[in-house]
Each structure stands twice: as C-alpha cells, then as structure tokens.
Amino acid sequence: MREDFNELISEMNEPYSLLIYGYGFNDTHFNTVLYQNTKKNVLILSKDIKEEVLEKAKNNHMVTAFFQKDSKNFMIYKGEQIEIDKSLWNMDVFVMHYLRRKRI
C-alpha cells in the first residue's frame, strides 16, 4: 500500500483530492510524503489531532481540517483556524450537513 500511496500522492499532474478520516498521523513516512505535495486538496476529519498537524495545515492553504480541541469544534481553512458550532470532524455530522442538501 505504501508504494501505491507514494505513486498517487507524488503524481503532480493527476487531479484528485485526498480525504483523511480518523488517521492519528503516527506514520512518519506517510506524513512526510503528504506534506511534501502542496498542490493537492486535502480534507482532514479527525476528533483528535496533533498540534504539528494543525501547524502544517495552517501553513498549507490546500489543507482543510475539521477537529475538536478543549471540547470546542474548529476548522482550519485557507490557513485560518475558526471555531464552528458543529462537530464536522464526525463523519455522520459531516455527511448530514453537506450531503442532505443534495438528494442522492
């Protein structure tokens, strides 16, 4: 899987976005490859998130992150951390909020 991921994430000409859900950011190889490519859209949904990941998200405008800290919900969008009123880090809440408007 590592080789497949490396190929996917390093291909600069392929248009895609990456959704990361519930990943603990403990794999240093994955993290290094992920943050080397700053041209792909990355969406992170994670209740608990490491401070170093938040800092990298704030410095990369292609990363949007939804997370919880100190019992409050936040998002990072275009480098700015914003408090929000919904727990969008939770996949059920995220899907209901964004997909319920579109009848699938």
PDB file of N, CA and C in Angstrom:
ATOM      1  N   MET A   1       0.815  -1.184   0.000  1.00  0.00           N
ATOM      2  CA  MET A   1       0.000   0.000   0.000  1.00  0.00           C
ATOM      3  C   MET A   1       0.864   1.255   0.000  1.00  0.00           C
ATOM      4  N   ARG A   2       2.016   1.174   0.641  1.00  0.00           N
ATOM      5  CA  ARG A   2       2.887   2.346   0.707  1.00  0.00           C
ATOM      6  C   ARG A   2       3.322   2.774  -0.686  1.00  0.00           C
ATOM      7  N   GLU A   3       3.681   1.824  -1.543  1.00  0.00           N
ATOM      8  CA  GLU A   3       4.100   2.160  -2.903  1.00  0.00           C
ATOM      9  C   GLU A   3       2.953   2.793  -3.684  1.00  0.00           C
ATOM     10  N   ASP A   4       1.751   2.234  -3.545  1.00  0.00           N
ATOM     11  CA  ASP A   4       0.578   2.813  -4.220  1.00  0.00           C
ATOM     12  C   ASP A   4       0.333   4.241  -3.752  1.00  0.00           C
ATOM     13  N   PHE A   5       0.424   4.463  -2.440  1.00  0.00           N
ATOM     14  CA  PHE A   5       0.216   5.793  -1.902  1.00  0.00           C
ATOM     15  C   PHE A   5       1.277   6.759  -2.408  1.00  0.00           C
ATOM     16  N   ASN A   6       2.545   6.334  -2.375  1.00  0.00           N
ATOM     17  CA  ASN A   6       3.622   7.197  -2.862  1.00  0.00           C
ATOM     18  C   ASN A   6       3.386   7.611  -4.306  1.00  0.00           C
ATOM     19  N   GLU A   7       2.997   6.658  -5.134  1.00  0.00           N
ATOM     20  CA  GLU A   7       2.746   6.951  -6.542  1.00  0.00           C
ATOM     21  C   GLU A   7       1.584   7.922  -6.693  1.00  0.00           C
ATOM     22  N   LEU A   8       0.522   7.695  -5.975  1.00  0.00           N
ATOM     23  CA  LEU A   8      -0.663   8.546  -6.063  1.00  0.00           C
ATOM     24  C   LEU A   8      -0.370   9.965  -5.609  1.00  0.00           C
ATOM     25  N   ILE A   9       0.228  10.111  -4.453  1.00  0.00           N
ATOM     26  CA  ILE A   9       0.423  11.441  -3.877  1.00  0.00           C
ATOM     27  C   ILE A   9       1.513  12.235  -4.583  1.00  0.00           C
ATOM     28  N   SER A  10       2.489  11.546  -5.175  1.00  0.00           N
ATOM     29  CA  SER A  10       3.590  12.268  -5.818  1.00  0.00           C
ATOM     30  C   SER A  10       3.292  12.629  -7.270  1.00  0.00           C
ATOM     31  N   GLU A  11       2.245  12.099  -7.841  1.00  0.00           N
ATOM     32  CA  GLU A  11       1.891  12.413  -9.227  1.00  0.00           C
ATOM     33  C   GLU A  11       1.287  13.817  -9.282  1.00  0.00           C
ATOM     34  N   MET A  12       2.076  14.782  -9.717  1.00  0.00           N
ATOM     35  CA  MET A  12       1.663  16.184  -9.706  1.00  0.00           C
ATOM     36  C   MET A  12       0.585  16.519 -10.738  1.00  0.00           C
ATOM     37  N   ASN A  13       0.528  15.782 -11.822  1.00  0.00           N
ATOM     38  CA  ASN A  13      -0.396  16.128 -12.896  1.00  0.00           C
ATOM     39  C   ASN A  13      -1.777  15.496 -12.745  1.00  0.00           C
ATOM     40  N   GLU A  14      -1.928  14.570 -11.841  1.00  0.00           N
ATOM     41  CA  GLU A  14      -3.213  13.908 -11.652  1.00  0.00           C
ATOM     42  C   GLU A  14      -4.108  14.737 -10.731  1.00  0.00           C
ATOM     43  N   PRO A  15      -5.289  15.112 -11.207  1.00  0.00           N
ATOM     44  CA  PRO A  15      -6.196  15.893 -10.358  1.00  0.00           C
ATOM     45  C   PRO A  15      -6.948  14.967  -9.391  1.00  0.00           C
ATOM     46  N   TYR A  16      -6.790  15.185  -8.135  1.00  0.00           N
ATOM     47  CA  TYR A  16      -7.540  14.442  -7.137  1.00  0.00           C
ATOM     48  C   TYR A  16      -7.480  15.199  -5.829  1.00  0.00           C
ATOM     49  N   SER A  17      -8.357  14.837  -4.935  1.00  0.00           N
ATOM     50  CA  SER A  17      -8.355  15.343  -3.575  1.00  0.00           C
ATOM     51  C   SER A  17      -8.197  14.153  -2.652  1.00  0.00           C
ATOM     52  N   LEU A  18      -7.702  14.410  -1.467  1.00  0.00           N
ATOM     53  CA  LEU A  18      -7.458  13.347  -0.510  1.00  0.00           C
ATOM     54  C   LEU A  18      -8.283  13.608   0.745  1.00  0.00           C
ATOM     55  N   LEU A  19      -9.062  12.616   1.156  1.00  0.00           N
ATOM     56  CA  LEU A  19      -9.849  12.688   2.388  1.00  0.00           C
ATOM     57  C   LEU A  19      -9.159  11.822   3.433  1.00  0.00           C
ATOM     58  N   ILE A  20      -8.840  12.412   4.565  1.00  0.00           N
ATOM     59  CA  ILE A  20      -8.220  11.684   5.666  1.00  0.00           C
ATOM     60  C   ILE A  20      -9.217  11.695   6.813  1.00  0.00           C
ATOM     61  N   TYR A  21      -9.634  10.496   7.234  1.00  0.00           N
ATOM     62  CA  TYR A  21     -10.642  10.391   8.288  1.00  0.00           C
ATOM     63  C   TYR A  21     -10.114   9.530   9.428  1.00  0.00           C
ATOM     64  N   GLY A  22      -9.990  10.119  10.595  1.00  0.00           N
ATOM     65  CA  GLY A  22      -9.633   9.367  11.787  1.00  0.00           C
ATOM     66  C   GLY A  22      -8.206   8.866  11.825  1.00  0.00           C
ATOM     67  N   TYR A  23      -7.354   9.385  11.006  1.00  0.00           N
ATOM     68  CA  TYR A  23      -5.950   8.973  10.988  1.00  0.00           C
ATOM     69  C   TYR A  23      -5.211   9.682  12.123  1.00  0.00           C
ATOM     70  N   GLY A  24      -4.370   8.968  12.853  1.00  0.00           N
ATOM     71  CA  GLY A  24      -3.687   9.527  14.009  1.00  0.00           C
ATOM     72  C   GLY A  24      -2.385  10.243  13.697  1.00  0.00           C
ATOM     73  N   PHE A  25      -1.955  10.240  12.428  1.00  0.00           N
ATOM     74  CA  PHE A  25      -0.727  10.906  11.997  1.00  0.00           C
ATOM     75  C   PHE A  25       0.496  10.381  12.749  1.00  0.00           C
ATOM     76  N   ASN A  26       0.561   9.054  12.918  1.00  0.00           N
ATOM     77  CA  ASN A  26       1.692   8.424  13.591  1.00  0.00           C
ATOM     78  C   ASN A  26       2.682   7.780  12.634  1.00  0.00           C
ATOM     79  N   ASP A  27       2.382   7.737  11.351  1.00  0.00           N
ATOM     80  CA  ASP A  27       3.269   7.144  10.356  1.00  0.00           C
ATOM     81  C   ASP A  27       4.123   8.260   9.749  1.00  0.00           C
ATOM     82  N   THR A  28       5.375   8.325  10.145  1.00  0.00           N
ATOM     83  CA  THR A  28       6.224   9.434   9.708  1.00  0.00           C
ATOM     84  C   THR A  28       6.439   9.438   8.190  1.00  0.00           C
ATOM     85  N   HIS A  29       6.507   8.256   7.583  1.00  0.00           N
ATOM     86  CA  HIS A  29       6.681   8.201   6.125  1.00  0.00           C
ATOM     87  C   HIS A  29       5.465   8.816   5.430  1.00  0.00           C
ATOM     88  N   PHE A  30       4.282   8.400   5.831  1.00  0.00           N
ATOM     89  CA  PHE A  30       3.045   8.942   5.246  1.00  0.00           C
ATOM     90  C   PHE A  30       3.000  10.455   5.437  1.00  0.00           C
ATOM     91  N   ASN A  31       3.301  10.913   6.634  1.00  0.00           N
ATOM     92  CA  ASN A  31       3.237  12.346   6.922  1.00  0.00           C
ATOM     93  C   ASN A  31       4.199  13.139   6.058  1.00  0.00           C
ATOM     94  N   THR A  32       5.410  12.623   5.896  1.00  0.00           N
ATOM     95  CA  THR A  32       6.410  13.316   5.084  1.00  0.00           C
ATOM     96  C   THR A  32       5.940  13.442   3.647  1.00  0.00           C
ATOM     97  N   VAL A  33       5.469  12.363   3.073  1.00  0.00           N
ATOM     98  CA  VAL A  33       5.003  12.384   1.686  1.00  0.00           C
ATOM     99  C   VAL A  33       3.776  13.280   1.548  1.00  0.00           C
ATOM    100  N   LEU A  34       2.872  13.214   2.499  1.00  0.00           N
ATOM    101  CA  LEU A  34       1.646  14.014   2.462  1.00  0.00           C
ATOM    102  C   LEU A  34       1.963  15.502   2.420  1.00  0.00           C
ATOM    103  N   TYR A  35       2.871  15.951   3.252  1.00  0.00           N
ATOM    104  CA  TYR A  35       3.132  17.385   3.350  1.00  0.00           C
ATOM    105  C   TYR A  35       4.142  17.892   2.335  1.00  0.00           C
ATOM    106  N   GLN A  36       4.775  17.004   1.585  1.00  0.00           N
ATOM    107  CA  GLN A  36       5.664  17.454   0.520  1.00  0.00           C
ATOM    108  C   GLN A  36       4.862  17.970  -0.669  1.00  0.00           C
ATOM    109  N   ASN A  37       3.690  17.412  -0.869  1.00  0.00           N
ATOM    110  CA  ASN A  37       2.874  17.788  -2.006  1.00  0.00           C
ATOM    111  C   ASN A  37       1.868  18.848  -1.558  1.00  0.00           C
ATOM    112  N   THR A  38       2.087  20.075  -1.954  1.00  0.00           N
ATOM    113  CA  THR A  38       1.212  21.165  -1.524  1.00  0.00           C
ATOM    114  C   THR A  38       0.250  21.602  -2.621  1.00  0.00           C
ATOM    115  N   LYS A  39       0.096  20.774  -3.657  1.00  0.00           N
ATOM    116  CA  LYS A  39      -0.777  21.147  -4.764  1.00  0.00           C
ATOM    117  C   LYS A  39      -2.066  20.325  -4.813  1.00  0.00           C
ATOM    118  N   LYS A  40      -2.238  19.419  -3.869  1.00  0.00           N
ATOM    119  CA  LYS A  40      -3.439  18.591  -3.834  1.00  0.00           C
ATOM    120  C   LYS A  40      -4.338  19.066  -2.703  1.00  0.00           C
ATOM    121  N   ASN A  41      -5.652  19.053  -2.944  1.00  0.00           N
ATOM    122  CA  ASN A  41      -6.602  19.363  -1.890  1.00  0.00           C
ATOM    123  C   ASN A  41      -6.630  18.216  -0.886  1.00  0.00           C
ATOM    124  N   VAL A  42      -6.540  18.555   0.383  1.00  0.00           N
ATOM    125  CA  VAL A  42      -6.582  17.566   1.451  1.00  0.00           C
ATOM    126  C   VAL A  42      -7.654  17.989   2.440  1.00  0.00           C
ATOM    127  N   LEU A  43      -8.557  17.072   2.757  1.00  0.00           N
ATOM    128  CA  LEU A  43      -9.600  17.304   3.754  1.00  0.00           C
ATOM    129  C   LEU A  43      -9.364  16.332   4.897  1.00  0.00           C
ATOM    130  N   ILE A  44      -9.191  16.858   6.113  1.00  0.00           N
ATOM    131  CA  ILE A  44      -8.938  16.042   7.296  1.00  0.00           C
ATOM    132  C   ILE A  44     -10.130  16.133   8.230  1.00  0.00           C
ATOM    133  N   LEU A  45     -10.692  14.983   8.595  1.00  0.00           N
ATOM    134  CA  LEU A  45     -11.741  14.894   9.612  1.00  0.00           C
ATOM    135  C   LEU A  45     -11.173  14.046  10.732  1.00  0.00           C
ATOM    136  N   SER A  46     -10.925  14.672  11.888  1.00  0.00           N
ATOM    137  CA  SER A  46     -10.318  13.932  12.984  1.00  0.00           C
ATOM    138  C   SER A  46     -10.659  14.614  14.299  1.00  0.00           C
ATOM    139  N   LYS A  47     -11.259  13.870  15.201  1.00  0.00           N
ATOM    140  CA  LYS A  47     -11.620  14.465  16.501  1.00  0.00           C
ATOM    141  C   LYS A  47     -10.368  14.944  17.213  1.00  0.00           C
ATOM    142  N   ASP A  48      -9.385  14.093  17.340  1.00  0.00           N
ATOM    143  CA  ASP A  48      -8.124  14.438  17.990  1.00  0.00           C
ATOM    144  C   ASP A  48      -7.062  14.615  16.924  1.00  0.00           C
ATOM    145  N   ILE A  49      -6.328  15.676  17.021  1.00  0.00           N
ATOM    146  CA  ILE A  49      -5.322  15.954  16.001  1.00  0.00           C
ATOM    147  C   ILE A  49      -4.092  16.560  16.675  1.00  0.00           C
ATOM    148  N   LYS A  50      -2.944  16.159  16.217  1.00  0.00           N
ATOM    149  CA  LYS A  50      -1.695  16.627  16.808  1.00  0.00           C
ATOM    150  C   LYS A  50      -1.438  18.088  16.446  1.00  0.00           C
ATOM    151  N   GLU A  51      -0.802  18.789  17.363  1.00  0.00           N
ATOM    152  CA  GLU A  51      -0.500  20.210  17.160  1.00  0.00           C
ATOM    153  C   GLU A  51       0.370  20.424  15.926  1.00  0.00           C
ATOM    154  N   GLU A  52       1.304  19.521  15.668  1.00  0.00           N
ATOM    155  CA  GLU A  52       2.168  19.680  14.494  1.00  0.00           C
ATOM    156  C   GLU A  52       1.364  19.563  13.193  1.00  0.00           C
ATOM    157  N   VAL A  53       0.314  18.751  13.190  1.00  0.00           N
ATOM    158  CA  VAL A  53      -0.546  18.626  12.013  1.00  0.00           C
ATOM    159  C   VAL A  53      -1.329  19.921  11.812  1.00  0.00           C
ATOM    160  N   LEU A  54      -1.818  20.492  12.900  1.00  0.00           N
ATOM    161  CA  LEU A  54      -2.548  21.758  12.805  1.00  0.00           C
ATOM    162  C   LEU A  54      -1.646  22.859  12.243  1.00  0.00           C
ATOM    163  N   GLU A  55      -0.413  22.907  12.698  1.00  0.00           N
ATOM    164  CA  GLU A  55       0.520  23.926  12.204  1.00  0.00           C
ATOM    165  C   GLU A  55       0.785  23.740  10.715  1.00  0.00           C
ATOM    166  N   LYS A  56       0.949  22.501  10.275  1.00  0.00           N
ATOM    167  CA  LYS A  56       1.175  22.243   8.853  1.00  0.00           C
ATOM    168  C   LYS A  56      -0.062  22.604   8.036  1.00  0.00           C
ATOM    169  N   ALA A  57      -1.240  22.340   8.577  1.00  0.00           N
ATOM    170  CA  ALA A  57      -2.477  22.711   7.885  1.00  0.00           C
ATOM    171  C   ALA A  57      -2.605  24.232   7.764  1.00  0.00           C
ATOM    172  N   LYS A  58      -2.210  24.932   8.805  1.00  0.00           N
ATOM    173  CA  LYS A  58      -2.267  26.402   8.768  1.00  0.00           C
ATOM    174  C   LYS A  58      -1.297  26.979   7.748  1.00  0.00           C
ATOM    175  N   ASN A  59      -0.220  26.254   7.468  1.00  0.00           N
ATOM    176  CA  ASN A  59       0.787  26.736   6.523  1.00  0.00           C
ATOM    177  C   ASN A  59       0.574  26.235   5.102  1.00  0.00           C
ATOM    178  N   ASN A  60      -0.444  25.425   4.883  1.00  0.00           N
ATOM    179  CA  ASN A  60      -0.727  24.894   3.552  1.00  0.00           C
ATOM    180  C   ASN A  60      -2.191  25.181   3.230  1.00  0.00           C
ATOM    181  N   HIS A  61      -2.431  26.137   2.380  1.00  0.00           N
ATOM    182  CA  HIS A  61      -3.796  26.558   2.058  1.00  0.00           C
ATOM    183  C   HIS A  61      -4.594  25.517   1.285  1.00  0.00           C
ATOM    184  N   MET A  62      -3.971  24.408   0.929  1.00  0.00           N
ATOM    185  CA  MET A  62      -4.688  23.327   0.244  1.00  0.00           C
ATOM    186  C   MET A  62      -5.293  22.338   1.242  1.00  0.00           C
ATOM    187  N   VAL A  63      -4.996  22.520   2.535  1.00  0.00           N
ATOM    188  CA  VAL A  63      -5.489  21.617   3.571  1.00  0.00           C
ATOM    189  C   VAL A  63      -6.642  22.272   4.326  1.00  0.00           C
ATOM    190  N   THR A  64      -7.749  21.538   4.428  1.00  0.00           N
ATOM    191  CA  THR A  64      -8.874  21.923   5.270  1.00  0.00           C
ATOM    192  C   THR A  64      -9.005  20.845   6.331  1.00  0.00           C
ATOM    193  N   ALA A  65      -9.134  21.257   7.580  1.00  0.00           N
ATOM    194  CA  ALA A  65      -9.214  20.291   8.672  1.00  0.00           C
ATOM    195  C   ALA A  65     -10.374  20.635   9.590  1.00  0.00           C
ATOM    196  N   PHE A  66     -11.126  19.610   9.985  1.00  0.00           N
ATOM    197  CA  PHE A  66     -12.176  19.734  10.988  1.00  0.00           C
ATOM    198  C   PHE A  66     -11.737  18.892  12.175  1.00  0.00           C
ATOM    199  N   PHE A  67     -11.783  19.480  13.394  1.00  0.00           N
ATOM    200  CA  PHE A  67     -11.294  18.772  14.572  1.00  0.00           C
ATOM    201  C   PHE A  67     -11.922  19.353  15.833  1.00  0.00           C
ATOM    202  N   GLN A  68     -11.647  18.697  16.958  1.00  0.00           N
ATOM    203  CA  GLN A  68     -12.131  19.157  18.253  1.00  0.00           C
ATOM    204  C   GLN A  68     -10.939  19.395  19.173  1.00  0.00           C
ATOM    205  N   LYS A  69     -11.013  20.476  19.937  1.00  0.00           N
ATOM    206  CA  LYS A  69      -9.956  20.805  20.899  1.00  0.00           C
ATOM    207  C   LYS A  69     -10.606  21.492  22.090  1.00  0.00           C
ATOM    208  N   ASP A  70     -10.295  20.988  23.288  1.00  0.00           N
ATOM    209  CA  ASP A  70     -10.866  21.555  24.512  1.00  0.00           C
ATOM    210  C   ASP A  70     -12.396  21.615  24.450  1.00  0.00           C
ATOM    211  N   SER A  71     -13.007  20.545  23.948  1.00  0.00           N
ATOM    212  CA  SER A  71     -14.468  20.399  23.834  1.00  0.00           C
ATOM    213  C   SER A  71     -15.117  21.430  22.912  1.00  0.00           C
ATOM    214  N   LYS A  72     -14.331  22.071  22.050  1.00  0.00           N
ATOM    215  CA  LYS A  72     -14.861  23.003  21.062  1.00  0.00           C
ATOM    216  C   LYS A  72     -14.528  22.470  19.677  1.00  0.00           C
ATOM    217  N   ASN A  73     -15.350  22.806  18.710  1.00  0.00           N
ATOM    218  CA  ASN A  73     -15.155  22.353  17.337  1.00  0.00           C
ATOM    219  C   ASN A  73     -14.510  23.465  16.516  1.00  0.00           C
ATOM    220  N   PHE A  74     -13.567  23.066  15.672  1.00  0.00           N
ATOM    221  CA  PHE A  74     -12.832  24.024  14.854  1.00  0.00           C
ATOM    222  C   PHE A  74     -12.666  23.511  13.436  1.00  0.00           C
ATOM    223  N   MET A  75     -12.326  24.445  12.575  1.00  0.00           N
ATOM    224  CA  MET A  75     -11.871  24.105  11.240  1.00  0.00           C
ATOM    225  C   MET A  75     -10.671  24.981  10.931  1.00  0.00           C
ATOM    226  N   ILE A  76      -9.811  24.459  10.081  1.00  0.00           N
ATOM    227  CA  ILE A  76      -8.744  25.266   9.503  1.00  0.00           C
ATOM    228  C   ILE A  76      -9.060  25.329   8.019  1.00  0.00           C
ATOM    229  N   TYR A  77      -9.175  26.537   7.517  1.00  0.00           N
ATOM    230  CA  TYR A  77      -9.482  26.747   6.108  1.00  0.00           C
ATOM    231  C   TYR A  77      -8.639  27.915   5.607  1.00  0.00           C
ATOM    232  N   LYS A  78      -7.894  27.679   4.546  1.00  0.00           N
ATOM    233  CA  LYS A  78      -7.015  28.699   3.962  1.00  0.00           C
ATOM    234  C   LYS A  78      -6.085  29.290   5.010  1.00  0.00           C
ATOM    235  N   GLY A  79      -5.603  28.434   5.920  1.00  0.00           N
ATOM    236  CA  GLY A  79      -4.628  28.851   6.908  1.00  0.00           C
ATOM    237  C   GLY A  79      -5.190  29.475   8.169  1.00  0.00           C
ATOM    238  N   GLU A  80      -6.489  29.649   8.243  1.00  0.00           N
ATOM    239  CA  GLU A  80      -7.108  30.293   9.401  1.00  0.00           C
ATOM    240  C   GLU A  80      -7.869  29.267  10.240  1.00  0.00           C
ATOM    241  N   GLN A  81      -7.666  29.298  11.545  1.00  0.00           N
ATOM    242  CA  GLN A  81      -8.404  28.432  12.466  1.00  0.00           C
ATOM    243  C   GLN A  81      -9.663  29.176  12.917  1.00  0.00           C
ATOM    244  N   ILE A  82     -10.825  28.512  12.742  1.00  0.00           N
ATOM    245  CA  ILE A  82     -12.116  29.133  13.020  1.00  0.00           C
ATOM    246  C   ILE A  82     -12.918  28.210  13.922  1.00  0.00           C
ATOM    247  N   GLU A  83     -13.506  28.745  14.983  1.00  0.00           N
ATOM    248  CA  GLU A  83     -14.396  27.948  15.820  1.00  0.00           C
ATOM    249  C   GLU A  83     -15.732  27.810  15.101  1.00  0.00           C
ATOM    250  N   ILE A  84     -16.278  26.586  15.097  1.00  0.00           N
ATOM    251  CA  ILE A  84     -17.557  26.325  14.426  1.00  0.00           C
ATOM    252  C   ILE A  84     -18.521  25.674  15.417  1.00  0.00           C
ATOM    253  N   ASP A  85     -19.804  25.681  15.086  1.00  0.00           N
ATOM    254  CA  ASP A  85     -20.806  25.170  16.029  1.00  0.00           C
ATOM    255  C   ASP A  85     -21.198  23.715  15.806  1.00  0.00           C
ATOM    256  N   LYS A  86     -20.636  23.072  14.808  1.00  0.00           N
ATOM    257  CA  LYS A  86     -20.965  21.670  14.525  1.00  0.00           C
ATOM    258  C   LYS A  86     -19.710  20.805  14.623  1.00  0.00           C
ATOM    259  N   SER A  87     -19.904  19.558  14.998  1.00  0.00           N
ATOM    260  CA  SER A  87     -18.786  18.612  15.093  1.00  0.00           C
ATOM    261  C   SER A  87     -18.550  17.954  13.728  1.00  0.00           C
ATOM    262  N   LEU A  88     -18.084  18.754  12.786  1.00  0.00           N
ATOM    263  CA  LEU A  88     -17.897  18.270  11.412  1.00  0.00           C
ATOM    264  C   LEU A  88     -16.744  17.296  11.279  1.00  0.00           C
ATOM    265  N   TRP A  89     -15.951  17.101  12.308  1.00  0.00           N
ATOM    266  CA  TRP A  89     -14.928  16.045  12.318  1.00  0.00           C
ATOM    267  C   TRP A  89     -15.582  14.673  12.379  1.00  0.00           C
ATOM    268  N   ASN A  90     -16.830  14.612  12.789  1.00  0.00           N
ATOM    269  CA  ASN A  90     -17.601  13.373  12.874  1.00  0.00           C
ATOM    270  C   ASN A  90     -18.214  13.099  11.492  1.00  0.00           C
ATOM    271  N   MET A  91     -17.900  11.958  10.907  1.00  0.00           N
ATOM    272  CA  MET A  91     -18.350  11.645   9.547  1.00  0.00           C
ATOM    273  C   MET A  91     -19.867  11.724   9.408  1.00  0.00           C
ATOM    274  N   ASP A  92     -20.616  11.234  10.393  1.00  0.00           N
ATOM    275  CA  ASP A  92     -22.081  11.295  10.315  1.00  0.00           C
ATOM    276  C   ASP A  92     -22.575  12.734  10.239  1.00  0.00           C
ATOM    277  N   VAL A  93     -22.020  13.591  11.066  1.00  0.00           N
ATOM    278  CA  VAL A  93     -22.420  15.002  11.069  1.00  0.00           C
ATOM    279  C   VAL A  93     -21.984  15.663   9.766  1.00  0.00           C
ATOM    280  N   PHE A  94     -20.774  15.373   9.324  1.00  0.00           N
ATOM    281  CA  PHE A  94     -20.254  15.939   8.080  1.00  0.00           C
ATOM    282  C   PHE A  94     -21.157  15.581   6.899  1.00  0.00           C
ATOM    283  N   VAL A  95     -21.480  14.306   6.786  1.00  0.00           N
ATOM    284  CA  VAL A  95     -22.315  13.844   5.673  1.00  0.00           C
ATOM    285  C   VAL A  95     -23.711  14.458   5.742  1.00  0.00           C
ATOM    286  N   MET A  96     -24.307  14.467   6.919  1.00  0.00           N
ATOM    287  CA  MET A  96     -25.652  15.044   7.062  1.00  0.00           C
ATOM    288  C   MET A  96     -25.641  16.538   6.731  1.00  0.00           C
ATOM    289  N   HIS A  97     -24.608  17.215   7.114  1.00  0.00           N
ATOM    290  CA  HIS A  97     -24.541  18.658   6.876  1.00  0.00           C
ATOM    291  C   HIS A  97     -24.328  18.980   5.395  1.00  0.00           C
ATOM    292  N   TYR A  98     -23.445  18.260   4.732  1.00  0.00           N
ATOM    293  CA  TYR A  98     -23.103  18.591   3.352  1.00  0.00           C
ATOM    294  C   TYR A  98     -23.878  17.835   2.297  1.00  0.00           C
ATOM    295  N   LEU A  99     -24.320  16.621   2.598  1.00  0.00           N
ATOM    296  CA  LEU A  99     -24.990  15.838   1.564  1.00  0.00           C
ATOM    297  C   LEU A  99     -26.507  15.842   1.677  1.00  0.00           C
ATOM    298  N   ARG A 100     -27.050  16.204   2.800  1.00  0.00           N
ATOM    299  CA  ARG A 100     -28.507  16.215   2.926  1.00  0.00           C
ATOM    300  C   ARG A 100     -29.150  17.256   2.023  1.00  0.00           C
ATOM    301  N   ARG A 101     -28.402  18.276   1.673  1.00  0.00           N
ATOM    302  CA  ARG A 101     -28.923  19.330   0.786  1.00  0.00           C
ATOM    303  C   ARG A 101     -29.046  18.837  -0.649  1.00  0.00           C
ATOM    304  N   LYS A 102     -28.256  17.826  -0.960  1.00  0.00           N
ATOM    305  CA  LYS A 102     -28.292  17.257  -2.301  1.00  0.00           C
ATOM    306  C   LYS A 102     -28.971  15.905  -2.194  1.00  0.00           C
ATOM    307  N   ARG A 103     -30.069  15.750  -2.816  1.00  0.00           N
ATOM    308  CA  ARG A 103     -30.778  14.473  -2.799  1.00  0.00           C
ATOM    309  C   ARG A 103     -30.006  13.468  -3.641  1.00  0.00           C
ATOM    310  N   ILE A 104     -29.450  12.462  -2.970  1.00  0.00           N
ATOM    311  CA  ILE A 104     -28.653  11.465  -3.682  1.00  0.00           C
ATOM    312  C   ILE A 104     -29.506  10.256  -3.967  1.00  0.00           C
TER     313      ILE A 104
END
